[in-house]
N, C-alpha and C. Protein backbone atom coordinates (compact mmCIF):
# COMPACT_ATOMS: atom_id res chain seq x y z
N ASN A 1 -54.56 156.64 75.97
CA ASN A 1 -55.02 157.64 76.92
C ASN A 1 -53.86 158.48 77.41
N LYS A 2 -54.12 159.76 77.56
CA LYS A 2 -53.11 160.66 78.08
C LYS A 2 -53.26 160.76 79.59
N ILE A 3 -52.13 160.95 80.27
CA ILE A 3 -52.14 161.10 81.73
C ILE A 3 -52.56 162.52 82.07
N ASN A 4 -53.61 162.65 82.89
CA ASN A 4 -54.05 163.98 83.31
C ASN A 4 -54.20 164.10 84.82
N ASN A 5 -53.93 163.01 85.54
CA ASN A 5 -54.13 163.00 86.97
C ASN A 5 -53.11 162.06 87.62
N VAL A 6 -52.39 162.56 88.63
CA VAL A 6 -51.42 161.74 89.34
C VAL A 6 -51.72 161.68 90.84
N ASN A 7 -52.95 161.97 91.21
CA ASN A 7 -53.33 161.99 92.62
C ASN A 7 -53.22 160.63 93.30
N HIS A 8 -53.28 159.55 92.54
CA HIS A 8 -53.14 158.22 93.14
C HIS A 8 -51.72 157.99 93.65
N LEU A 9 -50.79 158.89 93.31
CA LEU A 9 -49.40 158.81 93.77
C LEU A 9 -49.13 159.81 94.90
N ALA A 10 -50.18 160.23 95.57
CA ALA A 10 -50.11 161.31 96.57
C ALA A 10 -49.05 161.07 97.64
N ASN A 11 -48.87 159.85 98.06
CA ASN A 11 -47.96 159.56 99.17
C ASN A 11 -46.59 159.05 98.73
N THR A 12 -46.34 159.01 97.42
CA THR A 12 -45.06 158.47 96.95
C THR A 12 -44.33 159.37 95.97
N LEU A 13 -45.04 160.16 95.19
CA LEU A 13 -44.41 160.95 94.12
C LEU A 13 -43.61 162.11 94.71
N ILE A 14 -42.31 162.20 94.35
CA ILE A 14 -41.48 163.29 94.84
C ILE A 14 -41.01 164.21 93.72
N GLU A 15 -41.11 163.76 92.46
CA GLU A 15 -40.69 164.58 91.34
C GLU A 15 -41.67 164.41 90.19
N LEU A 16 -42.10 165.54 89.61
CA LEU A 16 -43.08 165.50 88.51
C LEU A 16 -42.67 166.48 87.42
N ASP A 17 -42.62 165.97 86.21
CA ASP A 17 -42.38 166.81 85.03
C ASP A 17 -43.67 166.82 84.23
N CYS A 18 -44.35 167.94 84.25
CA CYS A 18 -45.60 168.09 83.50
C CYS A 18 -45.51 169.37 82.66
N ALA A 19 -44.37 169.54 82.04
CA ALA A 19 -44.10 170.73 81.24
C ALA A 19 -44.79 170.66 79.89
N GLY A 20 -44.92 171.84 79.29
CA GLY A 20 -45.38 171.94 77.91
C GLY A 20 -46.76 171.42 77.66
N ARG A 21 -46.85 170.45 76.81
CA ARG A 21 -48.14 169.93 76.35
C ARG A 21 -48.75 168.88 77.27
N SER A 22 -48.26 168.77 78.46
CA SER A 22 -48.80 167.80 79.41
C SER A 22 -50.29 168.04 79.63
N GLU A 23 -51.03 166.98 79.82
CA GLU A 23 -52.46 167.06 80.11
C GLU A 23 -52.73 167.19 81.60
N ILE A 24 -51.69 167.12 82.43
CA ILE A 24 -51.86 167.23 83.88
C ILE A 24 -52.23 168.67 84.22
N ASN A 25 -53.33 168.81 84.98
CA ASN A 25 -53.83 170.14 85.33
C ASN A 25 -53.89 170.31 86.84
N GLN A 26 -54.45 171.41 87.28
CA GLN A 26 -54.54 171.72 88.71
C GLN A 26 -55.25 170.62 89.49
N HIS A 27 -56.35 170.16 88.98
CA HIS A 27 -57.10 169.09 89.64
C HIS A 27 -56.27 167.81 89.74
N GLY A 28 -55.43 167.58 88.74
CA GLY A 28 -54.63 166.35 88.68
C GLY A 28 -53.46 166.29 89.62
N ILE A 29 -53.15 167.41 90.33
CA ILE A 29 -52.06 167.40 91.31
C ILE A 29 -52.53 167.80 92.71
N LYS A 30 -53.80 168.05 92.88
CA LYS A 30 -54.31 168.65 94.12
C LYS A 30 -54.08 167.80 95.37
N ASN A 31 -53.96 166.49 95.24
CA ASN A 31 -53.80 165.62 96.40
C ASN A 31 -52.35 165.24 96.69
N LEU A 32 -51.42 165.72 95.88
CA LEU A 32 -50.01 165.38 96.11
C LEU A 32 -49.56 165.95 97.44
N LYS A 33 -48.83 165.13 98.22
CA LYS A 33 -48.49 165.53 99.58
C LYS A 33 -46.99 165.67 99.83
N ILE A 34 -46.15 164.98 99.06
CA ILE A 34 -44.73 165.00 99.36
C ILE A 34 -43.87 165.44 98.18
N LEU A 35 -44.48 166.03 97.17
CA LEU A 35 -43.74 166.45 95.98
C LEU A 35 -42.65 167.45 96.34
N GLN A 36 -41.43 167.20 95.85
CA GLN A 36 -40.30 168.06 96.14
C GLN A 36 -39.85 168.86 94.92
N LYS A 37 -40.00 168.28 93.73
CA LYS A 37 -39.58 168.94 92.50
C LYS A 37 -40.72 168.93 91.50
N LEU A 38 -41.02 170.11 90.95
CA LEU A 38 -42.09 170.23 89.96
C LEU A 38 -41.61 171.04 88.78
N ASN A 39 -41.69 170.45 87.61
CA ASN A 39 -41.42 171.17 86.37
C ASN A 39 -42.76 171.39 85.68
N ALA A 40 -43.25 172.63 85.78
CA ALA A 40 -44.52 173.00 85.15
C ALA A 40 -44.26 174.04 84.06
N ARG A 41 -43.06 174.05 83.53
CA ARG A 41 -42.68 175.03 82.51
C ARG A 41 -43.65 174.98 81.34
N ASP A 42 -44.19 176.12 81.00
CA ASP A 42 -45.08 176.27 79.85
C ASP A 42 -46.39 175.47 79.99
N ASN A 43 -46.74 175.07 81.22
CA ASN A 43 -48.01 174.37 81.47
C ASN A 43 -49.00 175.41 82.01
N LYS A 44 -49.95 175.79 81.18
CA LYS A 44 -50.93 176.81 81.55
C LYS A 44 -52.04 176.26 82.44
N LYS A 45 -52.09 174.94 82.60
CA LYS A 45 -53.19 174.30 83.33
C LYS A 45 -52.95 174.25 84.83
N ILE A 46 -51.71 174.47 85.28
CA ILE A 46 -51.40 174.48 86.71
C ILE A 46 -51.21 175.93 87.12
N LYS A 47 -51.96 176.33 88.15
CA LYS A 47 -51.96 177.74 88.56
C LYS A 47 -51.53 177.96 90.00
N ASN A 48 -51.55 176.92 90.81
CA ASN A 48 -51.32 177.11 92.24
C ASN A 48 -50.63 175.87 92.82
N VAL A 49 -49.56 176.10 93.58
CA VAL A 49 -48.85 174.99 94.21
C VAL A 49 -48.72 175.20 95.72
N ASN A 50 -49.57 176.03 96.29
CA ASN A 50 -49.51 176.32 97.72
C ASN A 50 -49.80 175.11 98.60
N HIS A 51 -50.49 174.11 98.08
CA HIS A 51 -50.74 172.90 98.86
C HIS A 51 -49.46 172.11 99.10
N LEU A 52 -48.37 172.50 98.43
CA LEU A 52 -47.07 171.85 98.60
C LEU A 52 -46.13 172.73 99.44
N SER A 53 -46.70 173.59 100.27
CA SER A 53 -45.92 174.60 100.99
C SER A 53 -44.82 174.03 101.88
N ASN A 54 -45.00 172.83 102.39
CA ASN A 54 -44.02 172.25 103.31
C ASN A 54 -43.12 171.20 102.66
N THR A 55 -43.28 170.97 101.36
CA THR A 55 -42.47 169.93 100.72
C THR A 55 -41.73 170.39 99.48
N LEU A 56 -42.27 171.35 98.74
CA LEU A 56 -41.69 171.74 97.45
C LEU A 56 -40.37 172.49 97.64
N ILE A 57 -39.32 171.94 97.03
CA ILE A 57 -37.97 172.51 97.12
C ILE A 57 -37.58 173.19 95.82
N GLN A 58 -38.03 172.61 94.70
CA GLN A 58 -37.64 173.13 93.38
C GLN A 58 -38.86 173.29 92.49
N LEU A 59 -39.01 174.48 91.90
CA LEU A 59 -40.15 174.76 91.03
C LEU A 59 -39.67 175.42 89.75
N ASP A 60 -40.04 174.86 88.62
CA ASP A 60 -39.79 175.46 87.32
C ASP A 60 -41.13 175.92 86.76
N CYS A 61 -41.31 177.23 86.74
CA CYS A 61 -42.56 177.82 86.23
C CYS A 61 -42.22 178.88 85.19
N ARG A 62 -41.27 178.55 84.33
CA ARG A 62 -40.84 179.49 83.29
C ARG A 62 -41.85 179.57 82.15
N ASP A 63 -41.61 180.56 81.33
CA ASP A 63 -42.35 180.77 80.09
C ASP A 63 -43.83 181.04 80.34
N ASN A 64 -44.70 180.33 79.68
CA ASN A 64 -46.14 180.60 79.76
C ASN A 64 -46.85 179.75 80.80
N CYS A 65 -46.18 179.49 81.88
CA CYS A 65 -46.77 178.70 82.96
C CYS A 65 -47.96 179.45 83.57
N GLY A 66 -48.95 178.72 84.05
CA GLY A 66 -50.12 179.33 84.66
C GLY A 66 -49.91 179.77 86.09
N ILE A 67 -48.82 179.37 86.71
CA ILE A 67 -48.55 179.72 88.11
C ILE A 67 -48.21 181.20 88.21
N ASP A 68 -48.89 181.89 89.14
CA ASP A 68 -48.65 183.31 89.33
C ASP A 68 -48.19 183.58 90.77
N GLN A 69 -48.07 184.85 91.12
CA GLN A 69 -47.59 185.24 92.45
C GLN A 69 -48.42 184.63 93.57
N ASP A 70 -49.74 184.68 93.45
CA ASP A 70 -50.60 184.08 94.47
C ASP A 70 -50.42 182.57 94.55
N GLY A 71 -50.06 181.95 93.45
CA GLY A 71 -49.90 180.50 93.40
C GLY A 71 -48.65 179.98 94.07
N ILE A 72 -47.76 180.88 94.50
CA ILE A 72 -46.53 180.46 95.21
C ILE A 72 -46.39 181.14 96.57
N LYS A 73 -47.33 181.97 96.95
CA LYS A 73 -47.16 182.83 98.13
C LYS A 73 -47.00 182.08 99.45
N ASN A 74 -47.46 180.84 99.55
CA ASN A 74 -47.37 180.09 100.80
C ASN A 74 -46.21 179.11 100.86
N LEU A 75 -45.40 179.06 99.81
CA LEU A 75 -44.28 178.12 99.80
C LEU A 75 -43.26 178.53 100.87
N LYS A 76 -42.89 177.58 101.73
CA LYS A 76 -42.05 177.88 102.88
C LYS A 76 -40.62 177.41 102.76
N ILE A 77 -40.39 176.34 102.02
CA ILE A 77 -39.03 175.78 101.99
C ILE A 77 -38.44 175.75 100.59
N LEU A 78 -39.05 176.45 99.65
CA LEU A 78 -38.56 176.48 98.27
C LEU A 78 -37.12 176.98 98.24
N GLN A 79 -36.25 176.24 97.53
CA GLN A 79 -34.84 176.62 97.42
C GLN A 79 -34.47 177.04 96.00
N TYR A 80 -35.14 176.46 95.01
CA TYR A 80 -34.83 176.75 93.61
C TYR A 80 -36.11 177.16 92.89
N LEU A 81 -36.09 178.36 92.34
CA LEU A 81 -37.24 178.87 91.59
C LEU A 81 -36.76 179.34 90.23
N TYR A 82 -37.31 178.74 89.20
CA TYR A 82 -37.01 179.13 87.83
C TYR A 82 -38.26 179.79 87.26
N ALA A 83 -38.22 181.11 87.09
CA ALA A 83 -39.40 181.85 86.66
C ALA A 83 -39.10 182.79 85.49
N THR A 84 -38.08 182.48 84.72
CA THR A 84 -37.73 183.31 83.57
C THR A 84 -38.90 183.39 82.60
N TYR A 85 -39.18 184.58 82.12
CA TYR A 85 -40.26 184.86 81.17
C TYR A 85 -41.65 184.58 81.73
N ASN A 86 -41.76 184.46 83.06
CA ASN A 86 -43.07 184.36 83.68
C ASN A 86 -43.36 185.74 84.28
N LYS A 87 -44.15 186.53 83.59
CA LYS A 87 -44.43 187.91 84.01
C LYS A 87 -45.39 187.98 85.18
N LYS A 88 -45.96 186.84 85.57
CA LYS A 88 -46.93 186.81 86.66
C LYS A 88 -46.27 186.65 88.02
N ILE A 89 -44.96 186.35 88.03
CA ILE A 89 -44.21 186.23 89.28
C ILE A 89 -43.23 187.38 89.34
N TYR A 90 -43.35 188.16 90.40
CA TYR A 90 -42.55 189.39 90.49
C TYR A 90 -41.90 189.57 91.86
N ASN A 91 -42.16 188.68 92.82
CA ASN A 91 -41.61 188.87 94.15
C ASN A 91 -41.29 187.52 94.79
């Protein structure tokens, strides 16, 4: 079985790599509460990380990632943003 949901780790997971061919999608991260680092590079299934507005410090949404401008607009403490070749993020 492939991993497509990590919500059972909502109160403990601080770093997630779900890049590329990962089966983890938007529904599979919706309950995460303390995530600080997310690598969603080339993951078209994740589109929004605003629910992590008070915890996410580092986000990799390069290449063909599904995350767009609206999907990051509420992030408050982000320190590192990698958005190379993501034409959906412009500000």
